[in-house]
């Protein structure tokens, strides 16, 4: 039996390194890590997704996306015939976005985010207080791969202005109950990971490694 190809898309500006702790049985699965491309000028999310879909070279792939990568793989699925679409720490429609993002859409406040601060983590560390924040900054420094202001502005805008209002019922959604970016109270129809935060791809990898194969192979008990 041939291996099942599983394509992984990282979160906003993140590198494929975020999947370094994910290990699927090699006899059954072939893992392929995707990377962000810089968007073309004024490129729509649909056109970007179409471009990224050309990087998927296997038939009937499984698409796994984290956070904004979860939004992207749902859009890529329009141009592919995936076996499954699995999103982690993400949303299935703009109805699941938190209230602050909906307000930002109305007020266009997202245009005021100082992207250069996000890019310059060393400066951000000087203004942070507490060990927990500094640990998170170290994580970001390791896993942030796209340090391009144009990309960040584009990506943040595409999340907030995402126009999907009806969730695809076939999308499998894995979400942590302690996600502070996309709070669980706004999410419907997901498999909940207890204690999972927005970066649970890193700190709940044991749960994912244990359960992803069964989810892909249709033998996972979603009610369990």
N, C-alpha and C. Protein backbone atom coordinates (compact mmCIF):
# COMPACT_ATOMS: atom_id res chain seq x y z
N UNK A 1 0.84 -1.20 0.00
CA UNK A 1 0.00 0.00 0.00
C UNK A 1 0.87 1.24 0.00
N UNK A 2 0.54 2.21 -0.85
CA UNK A 2 1.34 3.43 -0.90
C UNK A 2 1.06 4.30 0.31
N UNK A 3 2.03 5.13 0.66
CA UNK A 3 1.90 5.99 1.83
C UNK A 3 0.91 7.12 1.56
N UNK A 4 0.26 7.57 2.61
CA UNK A 4 -0.67 8.69 2.51
C UNK A 4 0.12 9.98 2.64
N UNK A 5 0.06 10.87 1.62
CA UNK A 5 0.80 12.14 1.72
C UNK A 5 0.07 13.13 2.63
N UNK A 6 0.79 13.69 3.59
CA UNK A 6 0.22 14.64 4.54
C UNK A 6 1.02 15.95 4.45
N UNK A 7 0.36 16.99 3.96
CA UNK A 7 1.00 18.29 3.80
C UNK A 7 0.69 19.17 5.01
N UNK A 8 1.73 19.77 5.58
CA UNK A 8 1.58 20.60 6.76
C UNK A 8 1.88 22.07 6.43
N UNK A 9 0.94 22.95 6.79
CA UNK A 9 1.11 24.40 6.56
C UNK A 9 1.20 25.10 7.91
N UNK A 10 2.32 25.80 8.17
CA UNK A 10 2.48 26.47 9.47
C UNK A 10 1.60 27.70 9.62
N UNK A 11 1.61 28.29 10.82
CA UNK A 11 0.83 29.47 11.10
C UNK A 11 1.45 30.73 10.54
N UNK A 12 0.79 31.84 10.77
CA UNK A 12 1.17 33.13 10.22
C UNK A 12 2.65 33.44 10.48
N UNK A 13 3.40 33.61 9.41
CA UNK A 13 4.83 33.97 9.43
C UNK A 13 5.73 32.88 10.00
N UNK A 14 5.15 31.75 10.39
CA UNK A 14 5.94 30.70 11.04
C UNK A 14 6.65 29.82 10.01
N UNK A 15 7.71 29.19 10.47
CA UNK A 15 8.47 28.29 9.62
C UNK A 15 7.97 26.85 9.83
N UNK A 16 8.32 25.95 8.92
CA UNK A 16 7.93 24.54 9.10
C UNK A 16 8.55 23.91 10.35
N UNK A 17 9.48 24.61 10.99
CA UNK A 17 10.07 24.10 12.22
C UNK A 17 9.03 23.87 13.32
N UNK A 18 7.87 24.52 13.21
CA UNK A 18 6.86 24.31 14.25
C UNK A 18 6.37 22.85 14.25
N UNK A 19 6.65 22.12 13.18
CA UNK A 19 6.23 20.72 13.11
C UNK A 19 7.35 19.76 13.50
N UNK A 20 8.43 20.27 14.09
CA UNK A 20 9.59 19.43 14.35
C UNK A 20 9.29 18.31 15.35
N UNK A 21 8.23 18.48 16.17
CA UNK A 21 7.91 17.44 17.15
C UNK A 21 6.81 16.50 16.66
N UNK A 22 6.28 16.77 15.48
CA UNK A 22 5.23 15.92 14.93
C UNK A 22 5.86 14.76 14.17
N UNK A 23 5.47 13.55 14.54
CA UNK A 23 6.02 12.35 13.90
C UNK A 23 4.88 11.37 13.62
N UNK A 24 4.64 11.10 12.35
CA UNK A 24 3.64 10.12 11.95
C UNK A 24 4.36 8.83 11.54
N UNK A 25 3.74 7.69 11.73
CA UNK A 25 4.39 6.41 11.36
C UNK A 25 4.85 6.42 9.90
N UNK A 26 6.15 6.23 9.71
CA UNK A 26 6.73 6.36 8.37
C UNK A 26 6.24 5.29 7.41
N UNK A 27 5.79 4.15 7.94
CA UNK A 27 5.34 3.10 7.04
C UNK A 27 3.98 3.43 6.41
N UNK A 28 3.25 4.37 7.03
CA UNK A 28 1.91 4.70 6.54
C UNK A 28 1.79 6.09 5.91
N UNK A 29 2.66 7.02 6.33
CA UNK A 29 2.48 8.42 5.94
C UNK A 29 3.77 9.03 5.40
N UNK A 30 3.60 9.93 4.45
CA UNK A 30 4.72 10.76 3.97
C UNK A 30 4.42 12.20 4.35
N UNK A 31 5.25 12.77 5.21
CA UNK A 31 5.05 14.15 5.65
C UNK A 31 5.74 15.12 4.71
N UNK A 32 5.00 16.14 4.28
CA UNK A 32 5.55 17.18 3.41
C UNK A 32 5.29 18.53 4.09
N UNK A 33 6.35 19.29 4.32
CA UNK A 33 6.23 20.58 5.00
C UNK A 33 6.21 21.72 3.99
N UNK A 34 5.17 22.52 4.05
CA UNK A 34 5.05 23.67 3.15
C UNK A 34 5.59 24.93 3.84
N UNK A 35 6.01 25.89 3.03
CA UNK A 35 6.52 27.16 3.56
C UNK A 35 5.74 28.32 2.93
N UNK A 36 5.67 29.42 3.68
CA UNK A 36 5.02 30.62 3.16
C UNK A 36 5.82 31.21 2.01
N UNK A 37 5.11 31.65 1.00
CA UNK A 37 5.69 32.44 -0.09
C UNK A 37 5.30 33.90 0.14
N UNK A 38 6.09 34.81 -0.33
CA UNK A 38 5.69 36.22 -0.24
C UNK A 38 4.54 36.46 -1.21
N UNK A 39 3.49 37.14 -0.77
CA UNK A 39 2.36 37.39 -1.67
C UNK A 39 2.73 38.39 -2.75
N UNK A 40 2.08 38.25 -3.90
CA UNK A 40 2.26 39.24 -4.95
C UNK A 40 1.51 40.51 -4.56
N UNK A 41 1.79 41.59 -5.23
CA UNK A 41 1.15 42.86 -4.90
C UNK A 41 -0.37 42.76 -5.08
N UNK A 42 -1.09 43.13 -4.03
CA UNK A 42 -2.56 43.11 -4.02
C UNK A 42 -3.14 41.72 -4.34
N UNK A 43 -2.41 40.67 -4.00
CA UNK A 43 -2.87 39.31 -4.29
C UNK A 43 -4.01 38.93 -3.36
N UNK A 44 -5.06 38.37 -3.92
CA UNK A 44 -6.19 37.91 -3.11
C UNK A 44 -5.81 36.60 -2.43
N UNK A 45 -6.53 36.27 -1.36
CA UNK A 45 -6.28 35.01 -0.67
C UNK A 45 -6.56 33.83 -1.60
N UNK A 46 -7.60 33.95 -2.43
CA UNK A 46 -7.93 32.87 -3.37
C UNK A 46 -6.80 32.63 -4.36
N UNK A 47 -6.23 33.70 -4.90
CA UNK A 47 -5.14 33.55 -5.87
C UNK A 47 -3.87 33.01 -5.20
N UNK A 48 -3.64 33.46 -3.97
CA UNK A 48 -2.49 32.96 -3.22
C UNK A 48 -2.66 31.46 -2.97
N UNK A 49 -3.88 31.07 -2.56
CA UNK A 49 -4.16 29.66 -2.29
C UNK A 49 -3.99 28.81 -3.56
N UNK A 50 -4.40 29.34 -4.68
CA UNK A 50 -4.24 28.64 -5.96
C UNK A 50 -2.77 28.43 -6.27
N UNK A 51 -1.97 29.46 -5.98
CA UNK A 51 -0.52 29.37 -6.22
C UNK A 51 0.11 28.33 -5.29
N UNK A 52 -0.32 28.35 -4.02
CA UNK A 52 0.24 27.39 -3.05
C UNK A 52 -0.21 25.97 -3.37
N UNK A 53 -1.40 25.83 -3.95
CA UNK A 53 -1.91 24.49 -4.29
C UNK A 53 -1.03 23.80 -5.33
N UNK A 54 -0.31 24.58 -6.12
CA UNK A 54 0.56 23.97 -7.14
C UNK A 54 1.75 23.27 -6.50
N UNK A 55 2.02 23.54 -5.24
CA UNK A 55 3.12 22.89 -4.53
C UNK A 55 2.73 21.50 -4.02
N UNK A 56 1.43 21.20 -4.10
CA UNK A 56 0.95 19.88 -3.70
C UNK A 56 1.00 18.97 -4.92
N UNK A 57 1.90 18.01 -4.88
CA UNK A 57 2.17 17.20 -6.07
C UNK A 57 1.60 15.78 -5.99
N UNK A 58 1.03 15.41 -4.85
CA UNK A 58 0.44 14.09 -4.70
C UNK A 58 -1.07 14.14 -4.95
N UNK A 59 -1.62 13.01 -5.39
CA UNK A 59 -3.07 12.91 -5.49
C UNK A 59 -3.66 12.57 -4.11
N UNK A 60 -4.88 13.03 -3.90
CA UNK A 60 -5.61 12.76 -2.64
C UNK A 60 -4.77 13.04 -1.40
N UNK A 61 -4.23 14.25 -1.28
CA UNK A 61 -3.42 14.56 -0.11
C UNK A 61 -4.27 14.85 1.12
N UNK A 62 -3.66 14.75 2.26
CA UNK A 62 -4.24 15.27 3.50
C UNK A 62 -3.61 16.64 3.72
N UNK A 63 -4.42 17.66 3.96
CA UNK A 63 -3.92 19.01 4.22
C UNK A 63 -4.10 19.32 5.69
N UNK A 64 -3.02 19.69 6.36
CA UNK A 64 -3.07 20.06 7.78
C UNK A 64 -2.56 21.48 7.91
N UNK A 65 -3.37 22.36 8.49
CA UNK A 65 -2.96 23.75 8.63
C UNK A 65 -3.14 24.24 10.06
N UNK A 66 -2.19 25.04 10.51
CA UNK A 66 -2.22 25.61 11.86
C UNK A 66 -2.53 27.10 11.78
N UNK A 67 -3.49 27.55 12.58
CA UNK A 67 -3.82 28.97 12.69
C UNK A 67 -4.15 29.55 11.30
N UNK A 68 -3.44 30.59 10.84
CA UNK A 68 -3.70 31.14 9.51
C UNK A 68 -3.43 30.09 8.44
N UNK A 69 -2.51 29.18 8.72
CA UNK A 69 -2.28 28.07 7.79
C UNK A 69 -3.51 27.19 7.65
N UNK A 70 -4.33 27.13 8.72
CA UNK A 70 -5.58 26.40 8.66
C UNK A 70 -6.57 27.06 7.73
N UNK A 71 -6.61 28.38 7.77
CA UNK A 71 -7.46 29.14 6.83
C UNK A 71 -6.97 28.89 5.40
N UNK A 72 -5.66 28.94 5.22
CA UNK A 72 -5.11 28.78 3.87
C UNK A 72 -5.41 27.40 3.30
N UNK A 73 -5.23 26.33 4.08
CA UNK A 73 -5.46 25.00 3.50
C UNK A 73 -6.94 24.80 3.12
N UNK A 74 -7.84 25.47 3.85
CA UNK A 74 -9.25 25.39 3.45
C UNK A 74 -9.47 26.05 2.09
N UNK A 75 -8.74 27.14 1.84
CA UNK A 75 -8.85 27.80 0.54
C UNK A 75 -8.13 26.99 -0.54
N UNK A 76 -7.01 26.37 -0.19
CA UNK A 76 -6.29 25.53 -1.15
C UNK A 76 -7.12 24.34 -1.59
N UNK A 77 -7.97 23.84 -0.68
CA UNK A 77 -8.79 22.67 -0.98
C UNK A 77 -9.73 22.90 -2.16
N UNK A 78 -10.03 24.16 -2.46
CA UNK A 78 -10.89 24.48 -3.60
C UNK A 78 -10.23 24.10 -4.92
N UNK A 79 -8.90 24.04 -4.91
CA UNK A 79 -8.15 23.78 -6.14
C UNK A 79 -7.56 22.37 -6.16
N UNK A 80 -7.86 21.59 -5.15
CA UNK A 80 -7.32 20.24 -5.03
C UNK A 80 -8.47 19.28 -4.72
N UNK A 81 -8.17 18.02 -4.67
CA UNK A 81 -9.15 17.02 -4.23
C UNK A 81 -8.56 16.27 -3.04
N UNK A 82 -8.53 16.96 -1.88
CA UNK A 82 -7.86 16.36 -0.73
C UNK A 82 -8.65 15.20 -0.13
N UNK A 83 -7.92 14.27 0.41
CA UNK A 83 -8.53 13.16 1.16
C UNK A 83 -9.18 13.71 2.43
N UNK A 84 -8.47 14.66 3.07
CA UNK A 84 -8.97 15.28 4.28
C UNK A 84 -8.35 16.66 4.44
N UNK A 85 -9.09 17.54 5.12
CA UNK A 85 -8.55 18.84 5.53
C UNK A 85 -8.66 18.89 7.05
N UNK A 86 -7.52 19.08 7.70
CA UNK A 86 -7.47 19.12 9.17
C UNK A 86 -6.90 20.47 9.59
N UNK A 87 -7.61 21.17 10.44
CA UNK A 87 -7.10 22.46 10.92
C UNK A 87 -6.87 22.37 12.43
N UNK A 88 -5.82 23.03 12.88
CA UNK A 88 -5.41 23.02 14.29
C UNK A 88 -5.27 24.46 14.75
N UNK A 89 -5.91 24.81 15.87
CA UNK A 89 -5.80 26.17 16.43
C UNK A 89 -6.20 27.21 15.38
N UNK A 90 -7.31 26.97 14.71
CA UNK A 90 -7.71 27.83 13.60
C UNK A 90 -9.22 28.06 13.65
N UNK A 91 -9.79 28.50 12.54
CA UNK A 91 -11.24 28.75 12.45
C UNK A 91 -11.77 28.20 11.13
N UNK A 92 -13.05 27.83 11.11
CA UNK A 92 -13.67 27.26 9.91
C UNK A 92 -14.44 28.29 9.10
N UNK A 93 -14.73 29.44 9.71
CA UNK A 93 -15.41 30.53 9.00
C UNK A 93 -15.15 31.81 9.78
N UNK A 94 -15.52 32.95 9.19
CA UNK A 94 -15.29 34.21 9.90
C UNK A 94 -16.24 34.38 11.09
N UNK A 95 -17.23 33.52 11.19
CA UNK A 95 -18.14 33.58 12.35
C UNK A 95 -17.44 33.11 13.62
N UNK A 96 -16.34 32.37 13.46
CA UNK A 96 -15.60 31.87 14.62
C UNK A 96 -14.48 32.81 15.05
N UNK A 97 -14.30 33.90 14.32
CA UNK A 97 -13.29 34.88 14.74
C UNK A 97 -13.74 35.55 16.04
N UNK A 98 -12.80 35.88 16.92
CA UNK A 98 -13.18 36.54 18.17
C UNK A 98 -13.69 37.95 17.92
N UNK A 99 -14.40 38.46 18.90
CA UNK A 99 -15.05 39.77 18.76
C UNK A 99 -14.05 40.87 18.41
N UNK A 100 -12.87 40.82 19.02
CA UNK A 100 -11.89 41.89 18.77
C UNK A 100 -11.47 41.94 17.30
N UNK A 101 -11.44 40.78 16.64
CA UNK A 101 -11.09 40.77 15.22
C UNK A 101 -12.24 41.29 14.36
N UNK A 102 -13.47 41.01 14.79
CA UNK A 102 -14.62 41.54 14.08
C UNK A 102 -14.68 43.06 14.21
N UNK A 103 -14.33 43.56 15.41
CA UNK A 103 -14.28 45.02 15.62
C UNK A 103 -13.17 45.62 14.76
N UNK A 104 -12.02 44.93 14.71
CA UNK A 104 -10.90 45.43 13.90
C UNK A 104 -11.29 45.50 12.43
N UNK A 105 -12.12 44.56 11.98
CA UNK A 105 -12.59 44.58 10.59
C UNK A 105 -13.44 45.81 10.33
N UNK A 106 -14.33 46.11 11.25
CA UNK A 106 -15.24 47.25 11.09
C UNK A 106 -14.49 48.58 11.15
N UNK A 107 -13.55 48.66 12.10
CA UNK A 107 -12.85 49.93 12.34
C UNK A 107 -11.57 50.07 11.51
N UNK A 108 -11.18 48.95 10.87
CA UNK A 108 -9.89 48.89 10.14
C UNK A 108 -8.70 49.13 11.07
N UNK A 109 -8.87 48.81 12.35
CA UNK A 109 -7.81 49.01 13.34
C UNK A 109 -6.59 48.15 13.05
N UNK A 110 -6.80 47.04 12.31
CA UNK A 110 -5.67 46.15 12.01
C UNK A 110 -4.59 46.87 11.20
N UNK A 111 -4.97 47.95 10.52
CA UNK A 111 -3.99 48.70 9.73
C UNK A 111 -3.01 49.47 10.63
N UNK A 112 -3.34 49.58 11.91
CA UNK A 112 -2.51 50.35 12.83
C UNK A 112 -1.51 49.49 13.59
N UNK A 113 -1.54 48.18 13.39
CA UNK A 113 -0.62 47.31 14.12
C UNK A 113 0.82 47.60 13.67
N UNK A 114 1.73 47.88 14.64
CA UNK A 114 3.12 48.19 14.28
C UNK A 114 3.90 46.93 13.89
N UNK A 115 3.86 46.58 12.61
CA UNK A 115 4.46 45.33 12.15
C UNK A 115 5.97 45.28 12.41
N UNK A 116 6.61 46.46 12.41
CA UNK A 116 8.06 46.47 12.64
C UNK A 116 8.39 45.98 14.05
N UNK A 117 7.47 46.17 15.00
CA UNK A 117 7.68 45.65 16.35
C UNK A 117 7.66 44.13 16.34
N UNK A 118 6.74 43.57 15.57
CA UNK A 118 6.64 42.11 15.48
C UNK A 118 7.91 41.54 14.86
N UNK A 119 8.43 42.26 13.88
CA UNK A 119 9.63 41.79 13.19
C UNK A 119 10.86 41.89 14.08
N UNK A 120 10.91 42.94 14.91
CA UNK A 120 12.10 43.14 15.73
C UNK A 120 11.85 42.61 17.14
N UNK A 121 12.02 41.30 17.28
CA UNK A 121 11.72 40.66 18.55
C UNK A 121 12.68 41.08 19.66
N UNK A 122 13.89 41.45 19.26
CA UNK A 122 14.87 41.88 20.26
C UNK A 122 14.38 43.15 20.96
N UNK A 123 13.84 44.10 20.18
CA UNK A 123 13.30 45.32 20.78
C UNK A 123 12.08 45.02 21.63
N UNK A 124 11.24 44.10 21.13
CA UNK A 124 10.03 43.75 21.86
C UNK A 124 10.40 43.15 23.22
N UNK A 125 11.47 42.36 23.26
CA UNK A 125 11.90 41.72 24.51
C UNK A 125 12.27 42.76 25.56
N UNK A 126 12.81 43.90 25.11
CA UNK A 126 13.22 44.95 26.07
C UNK A 126 12.01 45.52 26.81
N UNK A 127 10.85 45.47 26.17
CA UNK A 127 9.67 46.07 26.78
C UNK A 127 8.77 45.03 27.45
N UNK A 128 9.19 43.78 27.40
CA UNK A 128 8.35 42.73 27.99
C UNK A 128 8.71 42.54 29.46
N UNK A 129 7.75 42.09 30.22
CA UNK A 129 7.96 41.88 31.65
C UNK A 129 7.55 40.45 32.01
N UNK A 130 8.43 39.78 32.71
CA UNK A 130 8.08 38.44 33.16
C UNK A 130 8.71 37.36 32.31
N UNK A 131 9.02 36.26 32.98
CA UNK A 131 9.71 35.15 32.33
C UNK A 131 8.82 34.48 31.28
N UNK A 132 7.51 34.40 31.55
CA UNK A 132 6.60 33.72 30.63
C UNK A 132 6.59 34.42 29.27
N UNK A 133 6.54 35.76 29.30
CA UNK A 133 6.53 36.52 28.04
C UNK A 133 7.84 36.33 27.30
N UNK A 134 8.95 36.37 28.04
CA UNK A 134 10.25 36.20 27.39
C UNK A 134 10.42 34.80 26.80
N UNK A 135 9.84 33.80 27.45
CA UNK A 135 9.90 32.44 26.90
C UNK A 135 9.12 32.37 25.59
N UNK A 136 7.97 33.05 25.57
CA UNK A 136 7.17 33.06 24.34
C UNK A 136 7.92 33.79 23.23
N UNK A 137 8.61 34.89 23.57
CA UNK A 137 9.39 35.62 22.57
C UNK A 137 10.51 34.75 21.99
N UNK A 138 11.13 33.94 22.86
CA UNK A 138 12.18 33.05 22.37
C UNK A 138 11.59 32.03 21.39
N UNK A 139 10.38 31.56 21.70
CA UNK A 139 9.69 30.66 20.77
C UNK A 139 9.46 31.33 19.43
N UNK A 140 8.93 32.57 19.49
CA UNK A 140 8.65 33.31 18.26
C UNK A 140 9.93 33.51 17.45
N UNK A 141 11.01 33.83 18.17
CA UNK A 141 12.26 34.10 17.46
C UNK A 141 12.73 32.86 16.71
N UNK A 142 12.53 31.70 17.32
CA UNK A 142 12.95 30.45 16.68
C UNK A 142 12.07 30.11 15.49
N UNK A 143 10.76 30.33 15.65
CA UNK A 143 9.82 29.81 14.66
C UNK A 143 9.31 30.84 13.65
N UNK A 144 9.62 32.13 13.87
CA UNK A 144 9.20 33.16 12.92
C UNK A 144 10.17 33.16 11.73
N UNK A 145 9.68 32.84 10.56
CA UNK A 145 10.59 32.72 9.42
C UNK A 145 10.39 33.83 8.39
N UNK A 146 9.20 34.41 8.34
CA UNK A 146 8.92 35.41 7.31
C UNK A 146 8.96 36.80 7.96
N UNK A 147 10.10 37.45 7.85
CA UNK A 147 10.27 38.76 8.48
C UNK A 147 10.13 39.85 7.41
N UNK A 148 8.97 39.87 6.81
CA UNK A 148 8.69 40.81 5.74
C UNK A 148 7.44 41.59 6.10
N UNK A 149 7.57 42.91 6.21
CA UNK A 149 6.44 43.73 6.66
C UNK A 149 5.26 43.62 5.70
N UNK A 150 5.54 43.58 4.40
CA UNK A 150 4.46 43.46 3.41
C UNK A 150 3.67 42.17 3.60
N UNK A 151 4.40 41.07 3.85
CA UNK A 151 3.72 39.79 4.09
C UNK A 151 2.85 39.88 5.33
N UNK A 152 3.39 40.42 6.43
CA UNK A 152 2.64 40.49 7.68
C UNK A 152 1.37 41.32 7.53
N UNK A 153 1.50 42.46 6.88
CA UNK A 153 0.32 43.31 6.66
C UNK A 153 -0.72 42.57 5.83
N UNK A 154 -0.26 41.88 4.79
CA UNK A 154 -1.15 41.11 3.93
C UNK A 154 -1.84 40.00 4.72
N UNK A 155 -1.05 39.24 5.50
CA UNK A 155 -1.57 38.08 6.21
C UNK A 155 -2.59 38.48 7.27
N UNK A 156 -2.27 39.50 8.06
CA UNK A 156 -3.20 39.95 9.10
C UNK A 156 -4.51 40.41 8.46
N UNK A 157 -4.40 41.14 7.37
CA UNK A 157 -5.60 41.61 6.68
C UNK A 157 -6.43 40.44 6.15
N UNK A 158 -5.77 39.41 5.61
CA UNK A 158 -6.50 38.26 5.05
C UNK A 158 -7.22 37.46 6.13
N UNK A 159 -6.64 37.39 7.32
CA UNK A 159 -7.34 36.72 8.43
C UNK A 159 -8.59 37.50 8.79
N UNK A 160 -8.43 38.80 9.02
CA UNK A 160 -9.53 39.62 9.52
C UNK A 160 -10.62 39.82 8.48
N UNK A 161 -10.24 39.85 7.20
CA UNK A 161 -11.23 40.06 6.14
C UNK A 161 -11.68 38.76 5.47
N UNK A 162 -11.32 37.61 6.05
CA UNK A 162 -11.71 36.33 5.45
C UNK A 162 -13.21 36.30 5.25
N UNK A 163 -13.64 35.96 4.04
CA UNK A 163 -15.06 36.10 3.70
C UNK A 163 -15.86 34.81 3.78
N UNK A 164 -15.27 33.74 4.28
CA UNK A 164 -16.02 32.48 4.38
C UNK A 164 -17.01 32.55 5.55
N UNK A 165 -18.29 32.43 5.26
CA UNK A 165 -19.31 32.52 6.30
C UNK A 165 -19.94 31.17 6.63
N UNK A 166 -19.76 30.19 5.74
CA UNK A 166 -20.33 28.86 5.97
C UNK A 166 -19.19 27.85 6.06
N UNK A 167 -19.08 27.21 7.22
CA UNK A 167 -18.01 26.24 7.42
C UNK A 167 -18.22 25.01 6.55
N UNK A 168 -17.12 24.46 6.06
CA UNK A 168 -17.17 23.20 5.33
C UNK A 168 -17.29 22.08 6.37
N UNK A 169 -18.39 21.36 6.33
CA UNK A 169 -18.65 20.33 7.35
C UNK A 169 -17.63 19.19 7.31
N UNK A 170 -16.92 19.06 6.20
CA UNK A 170 -15.95 17.97 6.09
C UNK A 170 -14.61 18.31 6.76
N UNK A 171 -14.41 19.59 7.06
CA UNK A 171 -13.15 19.99 7.70
C UNK A 171 -13.10 19.46 9.12
N UNK A 172 -11.98 18.83 9.47
CA UNK A 172 -11.77 18.32 10.83
C UNK A 172 -11.03 19.38 11.62
N UNK A 173 -11.60 19.76 12.74
CA UNK A 173 -11.09 20.90 13.52
C UNK A 173 -10.61 20.42 14.88
N UNK A 174 -9.33 20.65 15.17
CA UNK A 174 -8.74 20.31 16.48
C UNK A 174 -8.38 21.63 17.17
N UNK A 175 -8.87 21.80 18.39
CA UNK A 175 -8.72 23.11 19.03
C UNK A 175 -8.47 22.95 20.53
N UNK A 176 -7.61 23.80 21.06
CA UNK A 176 -7.33 23.77 22.49
C UNK A 176 -8.31 24.62 23.28
N UNK A 177 -8.65 24.17 24.48
CA UNK A 177 -9.61 24.93 25.29
C UNK A 177 -8.97 26.13 25.98
N UNK A 178 -7.65 26.32 25.78
CA UNK A 178 -6.96 27.47 26.37
C UNK A 178 -6.34 28.35 25.28
N UNK A 179 -6.91 28.30 24.07
CA UNK A 179 -6.40 29.10 22.95
C UNK A 179 -6.76 30.57 23.19
N UNK A 180 -5.74 31.43 23.26
CA UNK A 180 -5.99 32.85 23.55
C UNK A 180 -6.10 33.70 22.29
N UNK A 181 -5.84 33.13 21.13
CA UNK A 181 -5.98 33.87 19.87
C UNK A 181 -7.37 33.64 19.30
N UNK A 182 -7.78 32.38 19.23
CA UNK A 182 -9.13 32.03 18.79
C UNK A 182 -9.83 31.30 19.95
N UNK A 183 -10.40 32.04 20.89
CA UNK A 183 -10.98 31.42 22.09
C UNK A 183 -12.03 30.37 21.76
N UNK A 184 -12.02 29.30 22.55
CA UNK A 184 -12.89 28.15 22.30
C UNK A 184 -14.36 28.52 22.34
N UNK A 185 -14.72 29.58 23.05
CA UNK A 185 -16.14 29.93 23.16
C UNK A 185 -16.75 30.35 21.83
N UNK A 186 -15.90 30.71 20.87
CA UNK A 186 -16.41 31.09 19.54
C UNK A 186 -16.40 29.92 18.55
N UNK A 187 -15.84 28.79 18.96
CA UNK A 187 -15.62 27.66 18.05
C UNK A 187 -16.71 26.62 18.22
N UNK A 188 -17.20 26.12 17.10
CA UNK A 188 -18.22 25.08 17.13
C UNK A 188 -17.73 23.84 16.37
N UNK A 189 -18.17 22.68 16.80
CA UNK A 189 -17.89 21.45 16.06
C UNK A 189 -16.42 21.12 15.94
N UNK A 190 -15.73 21.04 17.09
CA UNK A 190 -14.30 20.71 17.04
C UNK A 190 -13.99 19.61 18.05
N UNK A 191 -12.85 18.98 17.87
CA UNK A 191 -12.31 18.06 18.86
C UNK A 191 -11.46 18.89 19.82
N UNK A 192 -11.82 18.89 21.08
CA UNK A 192 -11.18 19.77 22.07
C UNK A 192 -10.00 19.05 22.73
N UNK A 193 -8.87 19.75 22.76
CA UNK A 193 -7.69 19.24 23.46
C UNK A 193 -7.58 20.00 24.79
N UNK A 194 -7.69 19.28 25.88
CA UNK A 194 -7.66 19.89 27.21
C UNK A 194 -6.30 20.55 27.46
N UNK A 195 -6.34 21.82 27.85
CA UNK A 195 -5.10 22.55 28.14
C UNK A 195 -4.34 23.01 26.90
N UNK A 196 -4.93 22.79 25.73
CA UNK A 196 -4.26 23.18 24.49
C UNK A 196 -4.31 24.69 24.28
N UNK A 197 -3.16 25.30 24.04
CA UNK A 197 -3.08 26.74 23.76
C UNK A 197 -2.98 26.95 22.25
N UNK A 198 -2.77 28.20 21.85
CA UNK A 198 -2.66 28.48 20.42
C UNK A 198 -1.40 27.84 19.82
N UNK A 199 -0.41 27.55 20.65
CA UNK A 199 0.82 26.92 20.15
C UNK A 199 0.88 25.44 20.55
N UNK A 200 -0.29 24.81 20.61
CA UNK A 200 -0.29 23.40 21.06
C UNK A 200 0.37 22.46 20.05
N UNK A 201 0.62 22.93 18.83
CA UNK A 201 1.39 22.12 17.89
C UNK A 201 2.77 21.81 18.48
N UNK A 202 3.22 22.69 19.41
CA UNK A 202 4.51 22.50 20.06
C UNK A 202 4.39 21.79 21.40
N UNK A 203 3.40 22.19 22.22
CA UNK A 203 3.36 21.63 23.58
C UNK A 203 2.30 20.55 23.80
N UNK A 204 1.51 20.25 22.78
CA UNK A 204 0.58 19.11 22.87
C UNK A 204 0.87 18.12 21.73
N UNK A 205 2.14 18.09 21.34
CA UNK A 205 2.52 17.24 20.21
C UNK A 205 2.29 15.75 20.50
N UNK A 206 2.38 15.36 21.78
CA UNK A 206 2.17 13.94 22.11
C UNK A 206 0.73 13.54 21.80
N UNK A 207 -0.23 14.43 22.12
CA UNK A 207 -1.64 14.16 21.80
C UNK A 207 -1.80 14.05 20.29
N UNK A 208 -1.19 14.97 19.57
CA UNK A 208 -1.32 14.99 18.11
C UNK A 208 -0.67 13.76 17.48
N UNK A 209 0.53 13.41 17.96
CA UNK A 209 1.22 12.23 17.41
C UNK A 209 0.42 10.95 17.67
N UNK A 210 -0.24 10.91 18.81
CA UNK A 210 -1.03 9.73 19.16
C UNK A 210 -2.30 9.64 18.32
N UNK A 211 -2.95 10.79 18.08
CA UNK A 211 -4.30 10.77 17.50
C UNK A 211 -4.39 11.11 16.01
N UNK A 212 -3.42 11.86 15.47
CA UNK A 212 -3.51 12.23 14.05
C UNK A 212 -3.60 11.02 13.12
N UNK A 213 -2.82 9.96 13.34
CA UNK A 213 -2.95 8.80 12.43
C UNK A 213 -4.37 8.24 12.39
N UNK A 214 -5.01 8.13 13.56
CA UNK A 214 -6.38 7.61 13.60
C UNK A 214 -7.36 8.57 12.95
N UNK A 215 -7.14 9.88 13.13
CA UNK A 215 -8.01 10.89 12.51
C UNK A 215 -7.90 10.79 10.98
N UNK A 216 -6.69 10.63 10.48
CA UNK A 216 -6.48 10.52 9.04
C UNK A 216 -7.09 9.22 8.49
N UNK A 217 -6.98 8.14 9.26
CA UNK A 217 -7.43 6.82 8.80
C UNK A 217 -8.89 6.53 9.13
N UNK A 218 -9.61 7.53 9.64
CA UNK A 218 -11.05 7.36 9.95
C UNK A 218 -11.33 6.41 11.11
N UNK A 219 -10.35 6.21 11.98
CA UNK A 219 -10.59 5.30 13.10
C UNK A 219 -10.59 6.03 14.44
N UNK A 220 -10.63 7.35 14.40
CA UNK A 220 -10.62 8.15 15.62
C UNK A 220 -12.04 8.33 16.13
N UNK A 221 -12.23 8.19 17.44
CA UNK A 221 -13.55 8.40 18.05
C UNK A 221 -13.67 9.86 18.44
N UNK A 222 -14.36 10.66 17.61
CA UNK A 222 -14.45 12.09 17.86
C UNK A 222 -15.28 12.42 19.09
N UNK A 223 -16.02 11.46 19.58
CA UNK A 223 -16.83 11.72 20.78
C UNK A 223 -16.08 11.38 22.05
N UNK A 224 -14.92 10.74 21.86
CA UNK A 224 -14.17 10.30 23.03
C UNK A 224 -13.33 11.40 23.62
